[in-house]
All heavy atoms as atom14 arrays in JSON, in Angstrom:
{
  "sequence": "ILIGLTASIAATVAVSLLTVVFIQSLPEFIGWMAQSLADFWSWLTGSL",
  "atom14_mask": [
    [1, 1, 1, 1, 1, 1, 1, 1, 0, 0, 0, 0, 0, 0],
    [1, 1, 1, 1, 1, 1, 1, 1, 0, 0, 0, 0, 0, 0],
    [1, 1, 1, 1, 1, 1, 1, 1, 0, 0, 0, 0, 0, 0],
    [1, 1, 1, 1, 0, 0, 0, 0, 0, 0, 0, 0, 0, 0],
    [1, 1, 1, 1, 1, 1, 1, 1, 0, 0, 0, 0, 0, 0],
    [1, 1, 1, 1, 1, 1, 1, 0, 0, 0, 0, 0, 0, 0],
    [1, 1, 1, 1, 1, 0, 0, 0, 0, 0, 0, 0, 0, 0],
    [1, 1, 1, 1, 1, 1, 0, 0, 0, 0, 0, 0, 0, 0],
    [1, 1, 1, 1, 1, 1, 1, 1, 0, 0, 0, 0, 0, 0],
    [1, 1, 1, 1, 1, 0, 0, 0, 0, 0, 0, 0, 0, 0],
    [1, 1, 1, 1, 1, 0, 0, 0, 0, 0, 0, 0, 0, 0],
    [1, 1, 1, 1, 1, 1, 1, 0, 0, 0, 0, 0, 0, 0],
    [1, 1, 1, 1, 1, 1, 1, 0, 0, 0, 0, 0, 0, 0],
    [1, 1, 1, 1, 1, 0, 0, 0, 0, 0, 0, 0, 0, 0],
    [1, 1, 1, 1, 1, 1, 1, 0, 0, 0, 0, 0, 0, 0],
    [1, 1, 1, 1, 1, 1, 0, 0, 0, 0, 0, 0, 0, 0],
    [1, 1, 1, 1, 1, 1, 1, 1, 0, 0, 0, 0, 0, 0],
    [1, 1, 1, 1, 1, 1, 1, 1, 0, 0, 0, 0, 0, 0],
    [1, 1, 1, 1, 1, 1, 1, 0, 0, 0, 0, 0, 0, 0],
    [1, 1, 1, 1, 1, 1, 1, 0, 0, 0, 0, 0, 0, 0],
    [1, 1, 1, 1, 1, 1, 1, 0, 0, 0, 0, 0, 0, 0],
    [1, 1, 1, 1, 1, 1, 1, 1, 1, 1, 1, 0, 0, 0],
    [1, 1, 1, 1, 1, 1, 1, 1, 0, 0, 0, 0, 0, 0],
    [1, 1, 1, 1, 1, 1, 1, 1, 1, 0, 0, 0, 0, 0],
    [1, 1, 1, 1, 1, 1, 0, 0, 0, 0, 0, 0, 0, 0],
    [1, 1, 1, 1, 1, 1, 1, 1, 0, 0, 0, 0, 0, 0],
    [1, 1, 1, 1, 1, 1, 1, 0, 0, 0, 0, 0, 0, 0],
    [1, 1, 1, 1, 1, 1, 1, 1, 1, 0, 0, 0, 0, 0],
    [1, 1, 1, 1, 1, 1, 1, 1, 1, 1, 1, 0, 0, 0],
    [1, 1, 1, 1, 1, 1, 1, 1, 0, 0, 0, 0, 0, 0],
    [1, 1, 1, 1, 0, 0, 0, 0, 0, 0, 0, 0, 0, 0],
    [1, 1, 1, 1, 1, 1, 1, 1, 1, 1, 1, 1, 1, 1],
    [1, 1, 1, 1, 1, 1, 1, 1, 0, 0, 0, 0, 0, 0],
    [1, 1, 1, 1, 1, 0, 0, 0, 0, 0, 0, 0, 0, 0],
    [1, 1, 1, 1, 1, 1, 1, 1, 1, 0, 0, 0, 0, 0],
    [1, 1, 1, 1, 1, 1, 0, 0, 0, 0, 0, 0, 0, 0],
    [1, 1, 1, 1, 1, 1, 1, 1, 0, 0, 0, 0, 0, 0],
    [1, 1, 1, 1, 1, 0, 0, 0, 0, 0, 0, 0, 0, 0],
    [1, 1, 1, 1, 1, 1, 1, 1, 0, 0, 0, 0, 0, 0],
    [1, 1, 1, 1, 1, 1, 1, 1, 1, 1, 1, 0, 0, 0],
    [1, 1, 1, 1, 1, 1, 1, 1, 1, 1, 1, 1, 1, 1],
    [1, 1, 1, 1, 1, 1, 0, 0, 0, 0, 0, 0, 0, 0],
    [1, 1, 1, 1, 1, 1, 1, 1, 1, 1, 1, 1, 1, 1],
    [1, 1, 1, 1, 1, 1, 1, 1, 0, 0, 0, 0, 0, 0],
    [1, 1, 1, 1, 1, 1, 1, 0, 0, 0, 0, 0, 0, 0],
    [1, 1, 1, 1, 0, 0, 0, 0, 0, 0, 0, 0, 0, 0],
    [1, 1, 1, 1, 1, 1, 0, 0, 0, 0, 0, 0, 0, 0],
    [1, 1, 1, 1, 1, 1, 1, 1, 0, 0, 0, 0, 0, 0]
  ],
  "atom14_positions": [
    [[-118.42, 125.96, 216.5], [-119.23, 126.05, 217.69], [-120.63, 125.46, 217.39], [-121.18, 124.71, 218.26], [-119.39, 127.53, 218.15], [-118.04, 128.05, 218.61], [-120.43, 127.65, 219.23], [-117.52, 127.43, 219.86], [0.0, 0.0, 0.0], [0.0, 0.0, 0.0], [0.0, 0.0, 0.0], [0.0, 0.0, 0.0], [0.0, 0.0, 0.0], [0.0, 0.0, 0.0]],
    [[-121.2, 125.77, 216.29], [-122.54, 125.23, 215.9], [-122.48, 123.71, 215.79], [-123.41, 123.01, 216.23], [-123.0, 125.82, 214.58], [-123.38, 127.32, 214.63], [-123.72, 127.83, 213.22], [-124.55, 127.57, 215.57], [0.0, 0.0, 0.0], [0.0, 0.0, 0.0], [0.0, 0.0, 0.0], [0.0, 0.0, 0.0], [0.0, 0.0, 0.0], [0.0, 0.0, 0.0]],
    [[-121.42, 123.2, 215.24], [-121.2, 121.74, 215.15], [-121.16, 121.18, 216.56], [-121.73, 120.1, 216.87], [-119.97, 121.36, 214.34], [-120.12, 121.81, 212.89], [-119.7, 119.87, 214.39], [-118.89, 121.68, 212.05], [0.0, 0.0, 0.0], [0.0, 0.0, 0.0], [0.0, 0.0, 0.0], [0.0, 0.0, 0.0], [0.0, 0.0, 0.0], [0.0, 0.0, 0.0]],
    [[-120.41, 121.84, 217.45], [-120.29, 121.42, 218.82], [-121.61, 121.43, 219.57], [-121.89, 120.52, 220.35], [0.0, 0.0, 0.0], [0.0, 0.0, 0.0], [0.0, 0.0, 0.0], [0.0, 0.0, 0.0], [0.0, 0.0, 0.0], [0.0, 0.0, 0.0], [0.0, 0.0, 0.0], [0.0, 0.0, 0.0], [0.0, 0.0, 0.0], [0.0, 0.0, 0.0]],
    [[-122.42, 122.43, 219.35], [-123.77, 122.54, 219.97], [-124.67, 121.36, 219.47], [-125.42, 120.75, 220.25], [-124.39, 123.84, 219.71], [-123.7, 125.09, 220.34], [-124.37, 126.35, 219.89], [-123.74, 124.97, 221.85], [0.0, 0.0, 0.0], [0.0, 0.0, 0.0], [0.0, 0.0, 0.0], [0.0, 0.0, 0.0], [0.0, 0.0, 0.0], [0.0, 0.0, 0.0]],
    [[-124.56, 121.13, 218.18], [-125.31, 119.98, 217.6], [-124.82, 118.66, 218.21], [-125.62, 117.77, 218.58], [-125.14, 119.92, 216.11], [-125.58, 121.16, 215.54], [-126.02, 118.82, 215.51], [0.0, 0.0, 0.0], [0.0, 0.0, 0.0], [0.0, 0.0, 0.0], [0.0, 0.0, 0.0], [0.0, 0.0, 0.0], [0.0, 0.0, 0.0], [0.0, 0.0, 0.0]],
    [[-123.5, 118.51, 218.34], [-122.95, 117.3, 218.96], [-123.39, 117.17, 220.41], [-123.56, 116.04, 220.92], [-121.41, 117.34, 218.87], [0.0, 0.0, 0.0], [0.0, 0.0, 0.0], [0.0, 0.0, 0.0], [0.0, 0.0, 0.0], [0.0, 0.0, 0.0], [0.0, 0.0, 0.0], [0.0, 0.0, 0.0], [0.0, 0.0, 0.0], [0.0, 0.0, 0.0]],
    [[-123.57, 118.27, 221.1], [-123.99, 118.25, 222.53], [-125.41, 117.69, 222.61], [-125.7, 116.91, 223.52], [-123.89, 119.66, 223.11], [-122.57, 120.14, 223.07], [0.0, 0.0, 0.0], [0.0, 0.0, 0.0], [0.0, 0.0, 0.0], [0.0, 0.0, 0.0], [0.0, 0.0, 0.0], [0.0, 0.0, 0.0], [0.0, 0.0, 0.0], [0.0, 0.0, 0.0]],
    [[-126.29, 118.12, 221.67], [-127.65, 117.63, 221.69], [-127.63, 116.11, 221.37], [-128.3, 115.31, 222.08], [-128.49, 118.39, 220.64], [-128.6, 119.84, 221.0], [-129.91, 117.72, 220.49], [-129.26, 120.7, 219.98], [0.0, 0.0, 0.0], [0.0, 0.0, 0.0], [0.0, 0.0, 0.0], [0.0, 0.0, 0.0], [0.0, 0.0, 0.0], [0.0, 0.0, 0.0]],
    [[-126.82, 115.73, 220.4], [-126.75, 114.3, 220.05], [-126.14, 113.5, 221.24], [-126.58, 112.37, 221.49], [-125.86, 114.14, 218.82], [0.0, 0.0, 0.0], [0.0, 0.0, 0.0], [0.0, 0.0, 0.0], [0.0, 0.0, 0.0], [0.0, 0.0, 0.0], [0.0, 0.0, 0.0], [0.0, 0.0, 0.0], [0.0, 0.0, 0.0], [0.0, 0.0, 0.0]],
    [[-125.18, 114.07, 221.92], [-124.58, 113.39, 223.05], [-125.59, 113.18, 224.18], [-125.63, 112.13, 224.82], [-123.38, 114.2, 223.58], [0.0, 0.0, 0.0], [0.0, 0.0, 0.0], [0.0, 0.0, 0.0], [0.0, 0.0, 0.0], [0.0, 0.0, 0.0], [0.0, 0.0, 0.0], [0.0, 0.0, 0.0], [0.0, 0.0, 0.0], [0.0, 0.0, 0.0]],
    [[-126.42, 114.19, 224.42], [-127.46, 114.07, 225.46], [-128.45, 112.97, 225.15], [-128.79, 112.13, 225.98], [-128.2, 115.4, 225.6], [-127.28, 116.46, 225.89], [-129.28, 115.27, 226.72], [0.0, 0.0, 0.0], [0.0, 0.0, 0.0], [0.0, 0.0, 0.0], [0.0, 0.0, 0.0], [0.0, 0.0, 0.0], [0.0, 0.0, 0.0], [0.0, 0.0, 0.0]],
    [[-128.84, 112.91, 223.85], [-129.74, 111.79, 223.43], [-129.05, 110.44, 223.55], [-129.66, 109.47, 224.03], [-130.22, 112.08, 221.96], [-131.05, 110.89, 221.44], [-131.01, 113.37, 221.87], [0.0, 0.0, 0.0], [0.0, 0.0, 0.0], [0.0, 0.0, 0.0], [0.0, 0.0, 0.0], [0.0, 0.0, 0.0], [0.0, 0.0, 0.0], [0.0, 0.0, 0.0]],
    [[-127.82, 110.37, 223.07], [-127.07, 109.09, 223.1], [-126.86, 108.56, 224.54], [-127.08, 107.39, 224.79], [-125.73, 109.24, 222.4], [0.0, 0.0, 0.0], [0.0, 0.0, 0.0], [0.0, 0.0, 0.0], [0.0, 0.0, 0.0], [0.0, 0.0, 0.0], [0.0, 0.0, 0.0], [0.0, 0.0, 0.0], [0.0, 0.0, 0.0], [0.0, 0.0, 0.0]],
    [[-126.46, 109.49, 225.43], [-126.26, 109.06, 226.82], [-127.55, 108.62, 227.49], [-127.63, 107.68, 228.19], [-125.61, 110.19, 227.61], [-125.58, 109.88, 229.11], [-124.15, 110.39, 227.12], [0.0, 0.0, 0.0], [0.0, 0.0, 0.0], [0.0, 0.0, 0.0], [0.0, 0.0, 0.0], [0.0, 0.0, 0.0], [0.0, 0.0, 0.0], [0.0, 0.0, 0.0]],
    [[-128.64, 109.4, 227.18], [-129.9, 109.0, 227.71], [-130.4, 107.63, 227.28], [-130.82, 106.78, 228.1], [-130.99, 110.09, 227.29], [-130.66, 111.32, 227.78], [0.0, 0.0, 0.0], [0.0, 0.0, 0.0], [0.0, 0.0, 0.0], [0.0, 0.0, 0.0], [0.0, 0.0, 0.0], [0.0, 0.0, 0.0], [0.0, 0.0, 0.0], [0.0, 0.0, 0.0]],
    [[-130.22, 107.36, 225.98], [-130.65, 106.06, 225.47], [-129.74, 104.95, 226.04], [-130.26, 103.88, 226.42], [-130.54, 106.06, 223.91], [-131.55, 106.91, 223.16], [-131.28, 106.91, 221.67], [-132.96, 106.37, 223.41], [0.0, 0.0, 0.0], [0.0, 0.0, 0.0], [0.0, 0.0, 0.0], [0.0, 0.0, 0.0], [0.0, 0.0, 0.0], [0.0, 0.0, 0.0]],
    [[-128.46, 105.22, 226.13], [-127.51, 104.2, 226.67], [-127.86, 103.91, 228.12], [-127.82, 102.71, 228.55], [-126.07, 104.68, 226.52], [-124.98, 103.74, 226.95], [-124.97, 102.48, 226.1], [-123.61, 104.44, 226.89], [0.0, 0.0, 0.0], [0.0, 0.0, 0.0], [0.0, 0.0, 0.0], [0.0, 0.0, 0.0], [0.0, 0.0, 0.0], [0.0, 0.0, 0.0]],
    [[-128.2, 104.97, 228.86], [-128.5, 104.75, 230.31], [-129.82, 103.97, 230.43], [-129.91, 103.11, 231.28], [-128.64, 106.1, 231.02], [-127.42, 106.86, 230.83], [-128.91, 105.94, 232.47], [0.0, 0.0, 0.0], [0.0, 0.0, 0.0], [0.0, 0.0, 0.0], [0.0, 0.0, 0.0], [0.0, 0.0, 0.0], [0.0, 0.0, 0.0], [0.0, 0.0, 0.0]],
    [[-130.8, 104.29, 229.59], [-132.08, 103.55, 229.67], [-131.9, 102.1, 229.39], [-132.45, 101.21, 230.03], [-133.13, 104.22, 228.73], [-134.36, 103.32, 228.57], [-133.52, 105.58, 229.2], [0.0, 0.0, 0.0], [0.0, 0.0, 0.0], [0.0, 0.0, 0.0], [0.0, 0.0, 0.0], [0.0, 0.0, 0.0], [0.0, 0.0, 0.0], [0.0, 0.0, 0.0]],
    [[-131.16, 101.83, 228.3], [-130.86, 100.43, 227.89], [-130.12, 99.71, 229.04], [-130.45, 98.56, 229.36], [-130.05, 100.39, 226.56], [-129.59, 98.95, 226.3], [-130.9, 100.85, 225.44], [0.0, 0.0, 0.0], [0.0, 0.0, 0.0], [0.0, 0.0, 0.0], [0.0, 0.0, 0.0], [0.0, 0.0, 0.0], [0.0, 0.0, 0.0], [0.0, 0.0, 0.0]],
    [[-129.17, 100.38, 229.63], [-128.41, 99.76, 230.73], [-129.26, 99.43, 231.88], [-129.17, 98.31, 232.51], [-127.25, 100.73, 231.13], [-126.46, 100.23, 232.29], [-125.55, 99.2, 232.18], [-126.66, 100.77, 233.57], [-124.79, 98.75, 233.23], [-125.91, 100.32, 234.69], [-124.99, 99.3, 234.47], [0.0, 0.0, 0.0], [0.0, 0.0, 0.0], [0.0, 0.0, 0.0]],
    [[-130.15, 100.4, 232.31], [-131.04, 100.17, 233.44], [-132.0, 99.02, 233.13], [-132.29, 98.16, 233.98], [-131.77, 101.46, 233.79], [-130.75, 102.51, 234.33], [-132.83, 101.19, 234.8], [-131.44, 103.88, 234.52], [0.0, 0.0, 0.0], [0.0, 0.0, 0.0], [0.0, 0.0, 0.0], [0.0, 0.0, 0.0], [0.0, 0.0, 0.0], [0.0, 0.0, 0.0]],
    [[-132.55, 99.02, 231.91], [-133.49, 97.94, 231.57], [-132.86, 96.56, 231.53], [-133.51, 95.58, 231.87], [-134.1, 98.26, 230.18], [-135.07, 99.44, 230.17], [-135.61, 99.75, 228.8], [-135.04, 99.34, 227.78], [-136.67, 100.55, 228.77], [0.0, 0.0, 0.0], [0.0, 0.0, 0.0], [0.0, 0.0, 0.0], [0.0, 0.0, 0.0], [0.0, 0.0, 0.0]],
    [[-131.57, 96.5, 231.15], [-130.91, 95.23, 231.05], [-130.27, 94.77, 232.4], [-129.81, 93.64, 232.51], [-129.84, 95.28, 229.96], [-128.84, 96.23, 230.26], [0.0, 0.0, 0.0], [0.0, 0.0, 0.0], [0.0, 0.0, 0.0], [0.0, 0.0, 0.0], [0.0, 0.0, 0.0], [0.0, 0.0, 0.0], [0.0, 0.0, 0.0], [0.0, 0.0, 0.0]],
    [[-130.25, 95.73, 233.36], [-129.59, 95.46, 234.64], [-130.19, 94.26, 235.37], [-129.47, 93.38, 235.88], [-129.59, 96.69, 235.53], [-128.68, 96.67, 236.75], [-127.22, 96.43, 236.35], [-128.77, 98.0, 237.53], [0.0, 0.0, 0.0], [0.0, 0.0, 0.0], [0.0, 0.0, 0.0], [0.0, 0.0, 0.0], [0.0, 0.0, 0.0], [0.0, 0.0, 0.0]],
    [[-131.52, 94.15, 235.53], [-132.1, 92.98, 236.23], [-131.73, 91.68, 235.58], [-131.42, 90.68, 236.23], [-133.62, 93.25, 236.17], [-133.76, 94.74, 236.01], [-132.62, 95.13, 235.17], [0.0, 0.0, 0.0], [0.0, 0.0, 0.0], [0.0, 0.0, 0.0], [0.0, 0.0, 0.0], [0.0, 0.0, 0.0], [0.0, 0.0, 0.0], [0.0, 0.0, 0.0]],
    [[-131.78, 91.66, 234.25], [-131.41, 90.45, 233.49], [-129.94, 90.09, 233.77], [-129.58, 88.94, 233.9], [-131.67, 90.65, 232.04], [-131.37, 89.37, 231.15], [-131.71, 89.61, 229.71], [-132.4, 90.61, 229.39], [-131.24, 88.81, 228.9], [0.0, 0.0, 0.0], [0.0, 0.0, 0.0], [0.0, 0.0, 0.0], [0.0, 0.0, 0.0], [0.0, 0.0, 0.0]],
    [[-129.09, 91.13, 233.75], [-127.66, 90.9, 233.97], [-127.41, 90.37, 235.39], [-126.6, 89.45, 235.6], [-126.88, 92.18, 233.79], [-125.4, 92.07, 234.08], [-124.55, 91.44, 233.22], [-124.9, 92.64, 235.25], [-123.19, 91.34, 233.49], [-123.55, 92.55, 235.55], [-122.71, 91.89, 234.67], [0.0, 0.0, 0.0], [0.0, 0.0, 0.0], [0.0, 0.0, 0.0]],
    [[-128.09, 90.94, 236.38], [-127.96, 90.5, 237.76], [-128.45, 89.04, 237.9], [-127.82, 88.25, 238.57], [-128.71, 91.43, 238.72], [-128.06, 92.84, 238.73], [-128.74, 90.84, 240.08], [-128.86, 93.86, 239.55], [0.0, 0.0, 0.0], [0.0, 0.0, 0.0], [0.0, 0.0, 0.0], [0.0, 0.0, 0.0], [0.0, 0.0, 0.0], [0.0, 0.0, 0.0]],
    [[-129.54, 88.74, 237.23], [-130.07, 87.37, 237.28], [-129.09, 86.4, 236.67], [-128.87, 85.31, 237.17], [0.0, 0.0, 0.0], [0.0, 0.0, 0.0], [0.0, 0.0, 0.0], [0.0, 0.0, 0.0], [0.0, 0.0, 0.0], [0.0, 0.0, 0.0], [0.0, 0.0, 0.0], [0.0, 0.0, 0.0], [0.0, 0.0, 0.0], [0.0, 0.0, 0.0]],
    [[-128.47, 86.82, 235.53], [-127.49, 85.93, 234.87], [-126.27, 85.7, 235.76], [-125.78, 84.59, 235.85], [-127.03, 86.57, 233.55], [-125.95, 85.82, 232.86], [-126.08, 84.71, 232.09], [-124.57, 86.12, 232.93], [-124.83, 84.32, 231.62], [-123.86, 85.16, 232.12], [-123.82, 87.2, 233.52], [-122.48, 85.19, 231.94], [-122.43, 87.18, 233.35], [-121.79, 86.19, 232.55]],
    [[-125.82, 86.8, 236.42], [-124.7, 86.66, 237.33], [-124.99, 85.74, 238.5], [-124.22, 84.88, 238.89], [-124.28, 88.04, 237.88], [-123.51, 88.91, 236.87], [-121.88, 88.22, 236.49], [-121.08, 88.41, 238.11], [0.0, 0.0, 0.0], [0.0, 0.0, 0.0], [0.0, 0.0, 0.0], [0.0, 0.0, 0.0], [0.0, 0.0, 0.0], [0.0, 0.0, 0.0]],
    [[-126.21, 85.9, 239.08], [-126.63, 85.06, 240.2], [-126.71, 83.62, 239.8], [-126.23, 82.7, 240.54], [-127.96, 85.57, 240.77], [0.0, 0.0, 0.0], [0.0, 0.0, 0.0], [0.0, 0.0, 0.0], [0.0, 0.0, 0.0], [0.0, 0.0, 0.0], [0.0, 0.0, 0.0], [0.0, 0.0, 0.0], [0.0, 0.0, 0.0], [0.0, 0.0, 0.0]],
    [[-127.27, 83.35, 238.62], [-127.38, 81.99, 238.14], [-125.99, 81.37, 237.83], [-125.71, 80.18, 238.15], [-128.2, 81.93, 236.86], [-128.5, 80.52, 236.3], [-129.24, 79.68, 237.32], [-130.27, 80.1, 237.9], [-128.74, 78.48, 237.54], [0.0, 0.0, 0.0], [0.0, 0.0, 0.0], [0.0, 0.0, 0.0], [0.0, 0.0, 0.0], [0.0, 0.0, 0.0]],
    [[-125.12, 82.19, 237.27], [-123.75, 81.73, 237.01], [-123.01, 81.36, 238.31], [-122.29, 80.38, 238.36], [-122.95, 82.81, 236.25], [-123.56, 83.06, 234.99], [0.0, 0.0, 0.0], [0.0, 0.0, 0.0], [0.0, 0.0, 0.0], [0.0, 0.0, 0.0], [0.0, 0.0, 0.0], [0.0, 0.0, 0.0], [0.0, 0.0, 0.0], [0.0, 0.0, 0.0]],
    [[-123.16, 82.21, 239.32], [-122.53, 81.91, 240.62], [-123.12, 80.64, 241.25], [-122.41, 79.86, 241.82], [-122.71, 83.12, 241.54], [-121.91, 84.39, 241.19], [-122.3, 85.54, 242.1], [-120.38, 84.11, 241.33], [0.0, 0.0, 0.0], [0.0, 0.0, 0.0], [0.0, 0.0, 0.0], [0.0, 0.0, 0.0], [0.0, 0.0, 0.0], [0.0, 0.0, 0.0]],
    [[-124.45, 80.52, 241.08], [-125.06, 79.29, 241.64], [-124.59, 78.05, 240.93], [-124.31, 77.04, 241.59], [-126.6, 79.43, 241.53], [0.0, 0.0, 0.0], [0.0, 0.0, 0.0], [0.0, 0.0, 0.0], [0.0, 0.0, 0.0], [0.0, 0.0, 0.0], [0.0, 0.0, 0.0], [0.0, 0.0, 0.0], [0.0, 0.0, 0.0], [0.0, 0.0, 0.0]],
    [[-124.51, 78.15, 239.6], [-123.97, 76.98, 238.87], [-122.53, 76.66, 239.2], [-122.17, 75.48, 239.33], [-124.09, 77.28, 237.34], [-125.53, 77.36, 236.86], [-126.42, 76.88, 237.61], [-125.76, 77.93, 235.76], [0.0, 0.0, 0.0], [0.0, 0.0, 0.0], [0.0, 0.0, 0.0], [0.0, 0.0, 0.0], [0.0, 0.0, 0.0], [0.0, 0.0, 0.0]],
    [[-121.74, 77.72, 239.37], [-120.36, 77.52, 239.74], [-120.24, 76.85, 241.11], [-119.43, 75.96, 241.35], [-119.59, 78.82, 239.74], [-118.15, 78.75, 240.23], [-117.17, 78.18, 239.43], [-117.82, 79.2, 241.51], [-115.87, 78.07, 239.91], [-116.53, 79.11, 241.99], [-115.56, 78.52, 241.21], [0.0, 0.0, 0.0], [0.0, 0.0, 0.0], [0.0, 0.0, 0.0]],
    [[-121.09, 77.34, 242.06], [-121.01, 76.8, 243.42], [-121.48, 75.34, 243.43], [-120.88, 74.51, 244.1], [-121.92, 77.63, 244.32], [-121.99, 77.1, 245.73], [-122.98, 76.43, 246.38], [-120.92, 77.19, 246.71], [-122.64, 76.12, 247.65], [-121.37, 76.59, 247.9], [-119.66, 77.78, 246.66], [-120.59, 76.53, 249.06], [-118.88, 77.68, 247.83], [-119.34, 77.09, 248.95]],
    [[-122.49, 74.99, 242.59], [-122.95, 73.61, 242.48], [-121.8, 72.72, 241.92], [-121.6, 71.62, 242.43], [-124.16, 73.54, 241.61], [-125.24, 74.28, 242.14], [0.0, 0.0, 0.0], [0.0, 0.0, 0.0], [0.0, 0.0, 0.0], [0.0, 0.0, 0.0], [0.0, 0.0, 0.0], [0.0, 0.0, 0.0], [0.0, 0.0, 0.0], [0.0, 0.0, 0.0]],
    [[-121.16, 73.27, 240.9], [-120.03, 72.5, 240.29], [-118.92, 72.28, 241.31], [-118.31, 71.21, 241.4], [-119.57, 73.21, 239.03], [-118.29, 72.61, 238.47], [-118.21, 71.53, 237.62], [-116.97, 73.03, 238.75], [-116.88, 71.3, 237.37], [-116.1, 72.2, 238.04], [-116.4, 74.09, 239.55], [-114.72, 72.34, 238.08], [-115.07, 74.23, 239.55], [-114.18, 73.4, 238.83]],
    [[-118.59, 73.36, 242.02], [-117.49, 73.29, 242.97], [-117.78, 72.31, 244.11], [-116.93, 71.48, 244.43], [-117.24, 74.68, 243.56], [-116.09, 74.84, 244.55], [-114.74, 74.48, 243.87], [-116.01, 76.24, 245.11], [0.0, 0.0, 0.0], [0.0, 0.0, 0.0], [0.0, 0.0, 0.0], [0.0, 0.0, 0.0], [0.0, 0.0, 0.0], [0.0, 0.0, 0.0]],
    [[-119.0, 72.39, 244.69], [-119.33, 71.48, 245.78], [-119.44, 70.05, 245.28], [-119.03, 69.1, 246.0], [-120.65, 71.92, 246.43], [-121.69, 72.02, 245.42], [-120.53, 73.26, 247.12], [0.0, 0.0, 0.0], [0.0, 0.0, 0.0], [0.0, 0.0, 0.0], [0.0, 0.0, 0.0], [0.0, 0.0, 0.0], [0.0, 0.0, 0.0], [0.0, 0.0, 0.0]],
    [[-119.91, 69.88, 244.03], [-119.95, 68.49, 243.48], [-118.58, 67.95, 243.24], [-118.31, 66.77, 243.5], [0.0, 0.0, 0.0], [0.0, 0.0, 0.0], [0.0, 0.0, 0.0], [0.0, 0.0, 0.0], [0.0, 0.0, 0.0], [0.0, 0.0, 0.0], [0.0, 0.0, 0.0], [0.0, 0.0, 0.0], [0.0, 0.0, 0.0], [0.0, 0.0, 0.0]],
    [[-117.66, 68.8, 242.77], [-116.29, 68.36, 242.5], [-115.54, 67.99, 243.8], [-114.74, 67.09, 243.78], [-115.51, 69.47, 241.77], [-116.1, 69.76, 240.53], [0.0, 0.0, 0.0], [0.0, 0.0, 0.0], [0.0, 0.0, 0.0], [0.0, 0.0, 0.0], [0.0, 0.0, 0.0], [0.0, 0.0, 0.0], [0.0, 0.0, 0.0], [0.0, 0.0, 0.0]],
    [[-115.9, 68.73, 244.86], [-115.2, 68.44, 246.16], [-115.9, 67.37, 246.94], [-115.43, 66.98, 248.03], [-115.14, 69.76, 246.99], [-114.33, 70.9, 246.37], [-114.45, 72.17, 247.25], [-112.89, 70.48, 246.25], [0.0, 0.0, 0.0], [0.0, 0.0, 0.0], [0.0, 0.0, 0.0], [0.0, 0.0, 0.0], [0.0, 0.0, 0.0], [0.0, 0.0, 0.0]]
  ]
}
């Protein structure tokens, strides 16, 4: 039980850090996706 309680504290910290990193990287990821779609659309229209 004591090990489980310690693991719970560690889990709370790990999930918090993971969520913060995810939120911070979200704008960059969205920008990358938008640029990738724009590049794909340019390639597609140029090919056609």
